Amino acid sequence: MDLEKQKIKTYSAEFRESFAKLAIGSDKPITQKAKDLGVNPNTLHAWINKLAIPKSSTTPCEPMSNSTKN
């Protein structure tokens, strides 16, 4: 029995970003939008998570100021 090798799909950064934005802007659940786009739902979730984390987040965060203190 010969097993066919699955081809691993690779996507450009622009493609991933545009699909993540498209999914976020949709009124459908992410899993449904992933199926519509032909992408694994876990993959699309990862793209959305990467898009939500700004590149500058690698720097330490400053504590939020409390505006109620005098």
Foldseek 3Di string as FASTA:
>chain_A
DDDDDDDDDDDDLVVLQVLLVVLVPDPDDLCVSCVVVVHHSVSNVVSVVVVVDDPVVVDDDDDDDDPVDD
